N, C-alpha and C. Protein backbone atom coordinates (compact mmCIF):
# COMPACT_ATOMS: atom_id res chain seq x y z
N UNK A 1 0.33 -1.14 0.22
CA UNK A 1 0.04 0.00 -0.07
C UNK A 1 0.65 1.37 0.10
N UNK A 2 0.41 2.22 0.12
CA UNK A 2 0.86 3.72 -0.17
C UNK A 2 0.99 4.45 1.06
N UNK A 3 1.81 4.96 1.53
CA UNK A 3 1.92 6.20 2.54
C UNK A 3 1.41 7.42 1.74
N UNK A 4 0.39 8.06 2.55
CA UNK A 4 -0.08 9.39 1.57
C UNK A 4 0.22 10.81 2.59
N UNK A 5 0.94 11.68 2.10
CA UNK A 5 0.90 12.86 2.77
C UNK A 5 0.48 13.82 2.11
N UNK A 6 -0.81 14.09 3.38
CA UNK A 6 -1.68 14.79 2.73
C UNK A 6 -2.29 16.05 3.32
N UNK A 7 -2.32 17.25 2.85
CA UNK A 7 -2.87 18.81 3.40
C UNK A 7 -4.25 18.96 3.72
N UNK A 8 -4.53 19.22 4.89
CA UNK A 8 -5.77 19.34 5.52
C UNK A 8 -6.48 20.48 4.77
N UNK A 9 -5.73 21.13 4.25
CA UNK A 9 -6.49 22.68 4.06
C UNK A 9 -6.98 23.53 4.97
N UNK A 10 -7.63 24.71 4.97
CA UNK A 10 -8.24 25.54 6.17
C UNK A 10 -8.98 24.84 7.14
N UNK A 11 -9.12 23.39 7.39
CA UNK A 11 -9.53 22.75 8.27
C UNK A 11 -10.96 22.13 8.40
N UNK A 12 -11.98 22.70 7.70
CA UNK A 12 -13.27 22.43 7.42
C UNK A 12 -13.31 20.91 6.37
N UNK A 13 -14.18 19.94 6.93
CA UNK A 13 -14.37 18.63 5.60
C UNK A 13 -14.53 19.19 4.18
N UNK A 14 -15.31 19.96 4.38
CA UNK A 14 -15.77 20.44 2.74
C UNK A 14 -14.58 21.36 2.18
N UNK A 15 -13.87 21.39 2.77
CA UNK A 15 -12.79 22.10 2.22
C UNK A 15 -11.53 21.11 1.68
N UNK A 16 -11.71 19.89 2.14
CA UNK A 16 -10.78 18.70 1.44
C UNK A 16 -10.75 18.76 -0.06
N UNK A 17 -9.67 18.52 -0.43
CA UNK A 17 -9.44 17.94 -2.10
C UNK A 17 -10.25 17.00 -1.93
N UNK A 18 -11.10 16.42 -3.24
CA UNK A 18 -11.37 15.11 -3.53
C UNK A 18 -10.56 14.01 -3.05
N UNK A 19 -9.62 14.09 -3.73
CA UNK A 19 -8.67 12.98 -3.58
C UNK A 19 -8.27 12.60 -2.06
N UNK A 20 -8.17 13.91 -1.60
CA UNK A 20 -7.79 13.50 0.09
C UNK A 20 -9.10 12.99 0.74
N UNK A 21 -9.95 13.34 0.41
CA UNK A 21 -11.37 12.61 0.93
C UNK A 21 -11.21 11.09 0.65
N UNK A 22 -11.08 10.48 -0.58
CA UNK A 22 -11.03 9.11 -0.96
C UNK A 22 -9.74 8.67 -0.08
N UNK A 23 -8.78 9.32 0.16
CA UNK A 23 -7.57 8.79 0.88
C UNK A 23 -7.95 8.40 2.23
N UNK A 24 -8.56 9.50 3.08
CA UNK A 24 -9.16 9.13 4.22
C UNK A 24 -10.17 8.00 4.52
N UNK A 25 -11.00 8.03 3.53
CA UNK A 25 -11.83 6.73 3.56
C UNK A 25 -11.44 5.57 3.37
N UNK A 26 -10.32 5.63 2.89
CA UNK A 26 -9.45 4.15 2.51
C UNK A 26 -8.58 3.95 3.56
N UNK A 27 -7.86 4.90 4.42
CA UNK A 27 -6.97 4.49 5.47
C UNK A 27 -6.96 3.70 6.18
N UNK A 28 -5.96 2.84 6.53
CA UNK A 28 -6.01 1.86 7.49
C UNK A 28 -5.30 2.56 8.69
N UNK A 29 -4.50 3.71 8.60
CA UNK A 29 -3.87 4.40 9.43
C UNK A 29 -4.02 5.46 9.41
N UNK A 30 -4.37 6.28 10.41
CA UNK A 30 -4.46 8.00 10.20
C UNK A 30 -3.62 8.60 11.21
N UNK A 31 -2.25 9.64 11.16
CA UNK A 31 -1.63 10.08 11.94
C UNK A 31 -1.94 11.49 11.34
N UNK A 32 -2.30 12.02 12.54
CA UNK A 32 -3.26 13.67 12.87
C UNK A 32 -2.78 14.19 14.00
N UNK A 33 -2.88 15.50 13.89
CA UNK A 33 -2.84 16.54 15.16
C UNK A 33 -4.63 16.31 15.38
N UNK A 34 -4.85 15.20 16.17
CA UNK A 34 -6.49 14.86 16.54
C UNK A 34 -7.27 16.02 17.13
N UNK A 35 -6.39 16.24 18.11
CA UNK A 35 -7.34 17.81 19.07
C UNK A 35 -7.66 18.85 17.98
N UNK A 36 -7.01 19.21 17.20
CA UNK A 36 -6.95 20.33 15.98
C UNK A 36 -7.77 20.14 14.73
N UNK A 37 -7.82 18.57 14.66
CA UNK A 37 -8.46 18.28 13.37
C UNK A 37 -9.92 18.36 13.71
N UNK A 38 -10.67 18.98 12.46
CA UNK A 38 -12.12 19.20 12.68
C UNK A 38 -12.48 17.60 13.04
N UNK A 39 -13.54 17.45 13.73
CA UNK A 39 -14.15 16.12 13.52
C UNK A 39 -14.73 15.33 12.48
N UNK A 40 -15.19 16.32 11.81
CA UNK A 40 -15.65 15.66 10.56
C UNK A 40 -14.98 15.55 9.79
N UNK A 41 -13.68 16.19 9.60
CA UNK A 41 -12.45 15.19 8.64
C UNK A 41 -12.36 13.94 9.45
N UNK A 42 -12.16 13.86 10.71
CA UNK A 42 -12.07 12.44 10.81
C UNK A 42 -12.68 11.63 10.86
N UNK A 43 -14.07 11.80 10.88
CA UNK A 43 -15.52 10.80 10.62
C UNK A 43 -15.18 10.55 9.04
N UNK A 44 -14.37 11.12 8.31
CA UNK A 44 -14.11 10.81 6.61
C UNK A 44 -13.79 9.39 6.69
N UNK A 45 -12.79 9.23 8.04
CA UNK A 45 -12.28 7.82 7.73
C UNK A 45 -13.26 6.69 8.17
N UNK A 46 -12.86 5.50 7.87
CA UNK A 46 -13.41 4.10 8.31
C UNK A 46 -13.47 3.99 9.67
N UNK A 47 -14.46 3.13 10.36
CA UNK A 47 -14.30 2.99 12.01
C UNK A 47 -13.37 2.53 12.36
N UNK A 48 -12.91 1.67 11.80
CA UNK A 48 -12.02 0.50 12.15
C UNK A 48 -10.37 1.32 11.94
N UNK A 49 -10.08 2.65 11.65
CA UNK A 49 -9.38 3.33 11.24
C UNK A 49 -8.43 3.31 12.71
N UNK A 50 -7.20 2.84 12.55
CA UNK A 50 -5.99 3.39 13.53
C UNK A 50 -5.65 4.59 13.96
N UNK A 51 -6.41 5.58 14.57
CA UNK A 51 -5.94 6.96 14.69
C UNK A 51 -5.02 7.27 15.38
N UNK A 52 -3.74 7.89 15.42
CA UNK A 52 -2.41 8.43 16.26
C UNK A 52 -2.37 9.75 15.83
N UNK A 53 -2.25 10.16 17.26
CA UNK A 53 -2.43 11.46 17.53
C UNK A 53 -0.78 11.84 17.05
N UNK A 54 -0.60 13.10 16.14
CA UNK A 54 0.70 13.29 15.73
C UNK A 54 1.63 14.44 16.95
N UNK A 55 0.39 14.96 17.46
CA UNK A 55 1.33 15.80 18.83
C UNK A 55 1.77 14.79 19.74
N UNK A 56 0.89 13.82 20.16
CA UNK A 56 1.75 13.06 21.27
C UNK A 56 3.09 12.34 20.26
N UNK A 57 3.26 11.96 19.22
CA UNK A 57 4.32 11.16 18.63
C UNK A 57 5.59 11.99 18.64
N UNK A 58 6.81 11.71 19.04
CA UNK A 58 7.86 12.25 18.53
C UNK A 58 8.55 11.93 17.19
N UNK A 59 9.11 12.67 16.81
CA UNK A 59 9.69 12.32 14.89
C UNK A 59 9.59 10.94 14.71
N UNK A 60 10.60 10.23 15.59
CA UNK A 60 10.96 8.88 15.41
C UNK A 60 10.03 7.88 15.41
N UNK A 61 9.12 8.12 16.39
CA UNK A 61 7.89 7.61 16.34
C UNK A 61 6.78 7.29 15.55
N UNK A 62 6.96 8.78 14.61
CA UNK A 62 5.86 8.94 13.43
C UNK A 62 6.45 7.92 12.41
N UNK A 63 8.23 8.09 12.08
CA UNK A 63 8.79 7.21 11.21
C UNK A 63 8.80 5.65 11.39
N UNK A 64 8.72 5.33 12.60
CA UNK A 64 8.65 3.87 13.09
C UNK A 64 7.29 3.35 12.59
N UNK A 65 6.17 4.36 12.89
CA UNK A 65 4.79 3.86 12.37
C UNK A 65 4.42 3.65 10.94
N UNK A 66 5.07 4.87 10.18
CA UNK A 66 5.25 4.77 8.90
C UNK A 66 5.89 3.68 8.20
N UNK A 67 6.93 3.20 8.53
CA UNK A 67 7.84 1.87 8.09
C UNK A 67 6.68 0.74 8.56
N UNK A 68 6.42 0.50 9.88
CA UNK A 68 5.63 -0.47 10.03
C UNK A 68 4.36 -0.84 9.30
N UNK A 69 3.65 0.29 9.48
CA UNK A 69 2.65 -0.19 9.07
C UNK A 69 2.64 -0.16 7.45
N UNK A 70 3.51 0.67 6.70
CA UNK A 70 3.64 0.26 5.40
C UNK A 70 4.16 -0.86 4.66
N UNK A 71 5.17 -1.54 5.62
CA UNK A 71 5.73 -2.59 5.21
C UNK A 71 4.58 -3.74 5.40
N UNK A 72 3.52 -3.69 6.46
CA UNK A 72 2.70 -4.69 6.92
C UNK A 72 1.30 -4.63 5.54
N UNK A 73 1.57 -3.29 4.55
CA UNK A 73 0.44 -3.19 3.53
C UNK A 73 -0.69 -2.33 3.91
N UNK A 74 -0.43 -1.58 5.05
CA UNK A 74 -1.58 -0.79 5.17
C UNK A 74 -1.05 1.00 4.60
N UNK A 75 -2.60 1.27 4.22
CA UNK A 75 -2.51 2.44 3.51
C UNK A 75 -3.04 3.44 5.05
N UNK A 76 -1.61 4.33 4.59
CA UNK A 76 -1.66 5.25 6.08
C UNK A 76 -1.62 6.76 5.34
N UNK A 77 -2.80 7.13 5.99
CA UNK A 77 -2.71 8.81 5.92
C UNK A 77 -2.24 9.61 6.57
N UNK A 78 -0.87 10.14 6.48
CA UNK A 78 -0.47 11.71 7.53
C UNK A 78 -1.05 13.03 6.97
N UNK A 79 -1.77 13.21 7.99
CA UNK A 79 -2.48 14.78 7.39
C UNK A 79 -1.57 15.65 8.17
N UNK A 80 -1.21 16.54 7.14
CA UNK A 80 -0.57 17.82 7.58
C UNK A 80 -1.45 18.98 7.35
N UNK A 81 -1.08 19.73 8.49
CA UNK A 81 -2.03 21.09 8.58
C UNK A 81 -1.79 22.23 7.26
N UNK A 82 -2.79 22.86 6.91
CA UNK A 82 -2.91 23.62 5.99
C UNK A 82 -2.61 23.21 4.25
N UNK A 83 -1.66 23.30 3.50
CA UNK A 83 -1.61 23.07 2.18
C UNK A 83 -0.81 21.77 2.42
N UNK A 84 -0.33 21.17 3.38
CA UNK A 84 0.78 20.17 3.85
C UNK A 84 1.90 20.30 2.73
N UNK A 85 2.52 21.29 2.98
CA UNK A 85 4.04 21.51 2.41
C UNK A 85 5.08 20.27 3.06
N UNK A 86 5.62 20.01 2.26
CA UNK A 86 6.64 18.74 2.80
C UNK A 86 7.99 19.71 3.38
N UNK A 87 7.92 20.02 4.70
CA UNK A 87 8.68 20.76 5.37
C UNK A 87 10.28 19.66 5.65
N UNK A 88 10.81 20.27 6.02
CA UNK A 88 12.39 19.55 6.77
C UNK A 88 11.69 18.62 7.59
N UNK A 89 10.86 18.34 8.47
CA UNK A 89 10.56 17.06 9.33
C UNK A 89 9.64 16.13 8.31
N UNK A 90 9.19 16.58 7.20
CA UNK A 90 8.30 15.45 6.62
C UNK A 90 9.00 14.91 5.63
N UNK A 91 9.99 16.01 5.28
CA UNK A 91 11.21 15.18 4.26
C UNK A 91 11.82 14.09 4.81
N UNK A 92 12.10 14.59 6.08
CA UNK A 92 13.23 13.08 6.83
C UNK A 92 12.13 11.66 6.83
N UNK A 93 10.80 12.01 6.62
CA UNK A 93 10.01 10.78 6.76
C UNK A 93 9.95 9.96 5.80
N UNK A 94 9.88 11.24 4.50
CA UNK A 94 9.59 10.64 3.05
C UNK A 94 11.09 9.58 2.75
N UNK A 95 12.35 10.45 3.48
CA UNK A 95 13.28 9.62 2.97
C UNK A 95 13.34 8.40 3.76
N UNK A 96 13.18 8.06 4.71
CA UNK A 96 12.56 7.02 5.65
C UNK A 96 11.71 5.92 4.59
N UNK A 97 10.81 6.53 4.26
CA UNK A 97 9.81 6.03 3.37
C UNK A 97 10.80 5.26 2.34
N UNK A 98 10.98 6.30 1.28
CA UNK A 98 11.73 5.71 0.23
C UNK A 98 13.29 4.92 0.42
N UNK A 99 13.96 5.16 1.90
CA UNK A 99 14.98 3.86 1.92
C UNK A 99 14.47 2.80 1.91
N UNK A 100 13.09 2.51 2.59
CA UNK A 100 12.54 1.62 2.97
C UNK A 100 11.65 0.88 1.66
N UNK A 101 12.08 1.37 0.61
CA UNK A 101 11.51 1.07 -0.98
C UNK A 101 9.72 0.87 -0.76
N UNK A 102 9.18 1.87 -0.06
CA UNK A 102 7.79 1.98 0.07
C UNK A 102 7.47 2.99 -0.84
N UNK A 103 6.03 2.88 -1.09
CA UNK A 103 5.34 3.64 -1.72
C UNK A 103 4.93 4.87 -1.32
N UNK A 104 4.76 5.83 -1.79
CA UNK A 104 4.43 7.13 -1.08
C UNK A 104 4.10 8.41 -2.18
N UNK A 105 3.14 9.35 -1.78
CA UNK A 105 2.79 10.27 -2.67
C UNK A 105 2.16 11.68 -1.41
N UNK A 106 1.95 12.47 -2.31
CA UNK A 106 1.88 13.95 -1.55
C UNK A 106 0.59 14.39 -2.30
N UNK A 107 -0.50 14.98 -1.53
CA UNK A 107 -1.27 15.72 -1.94
C UNK A 107 -1.93 16.87 -1.33
N UNK A 108 -1.10 17.88 -1.88
CA UNK A 108 -1.33 19.20 -1.44
C UNK A 108 -2.98 19.29 -1.14
N UNK A 109 -2.98 20.38 -0.07
CA UNK A 109 -4.26 20.45 0.38
C UNK A 109 -5.20 22.15 -0.05
N UNK A 110 -6.10 22.58 -0.33
CA UNK A 110 -6.64 23.80 -0.22
C UNK A 110 -5.64 24.89 0.31
N UNK A 111 -4.91 25.87 -0.09
CA UNK A 111 -4.19 26.67 0.45
C UNK A 111 -5.18 27.57 1.19
N UNK A 112 -5.06 27.98 2.17
CA UNK A 112 -5.62 28.87 3.64
C UNK A 112 -5.67 30.11 3.26
N UNK A 113 -4.64 30.65 2.40
CA UNK A 113 -4.50 32.32 2.30
C UNK A 113 -5.69 32.30 0.88
């Protein structure tokens, strides 16, 4: 399966891209800032999604989850704030995913400006 780095956009579920909505609906694992993510966005996920709070995980733990879930064939959505730019922290995770020869993609969110 694929590791999806997805921009959440301005916040409300109706401002997600169609692609982001599809990815959330098919995710086995969701990594997001759960306390600040609109509950309607989280509700787009399946009931059995394993939802992990990005704010409670160290960067190394996020990397471990991405690699373990990806290796087990799970679809993972890492929901990033705003447009979901791949900043330094995210580029480290992408490098780890690439190093493990796992598939990944990036879906930008709607710009907040």
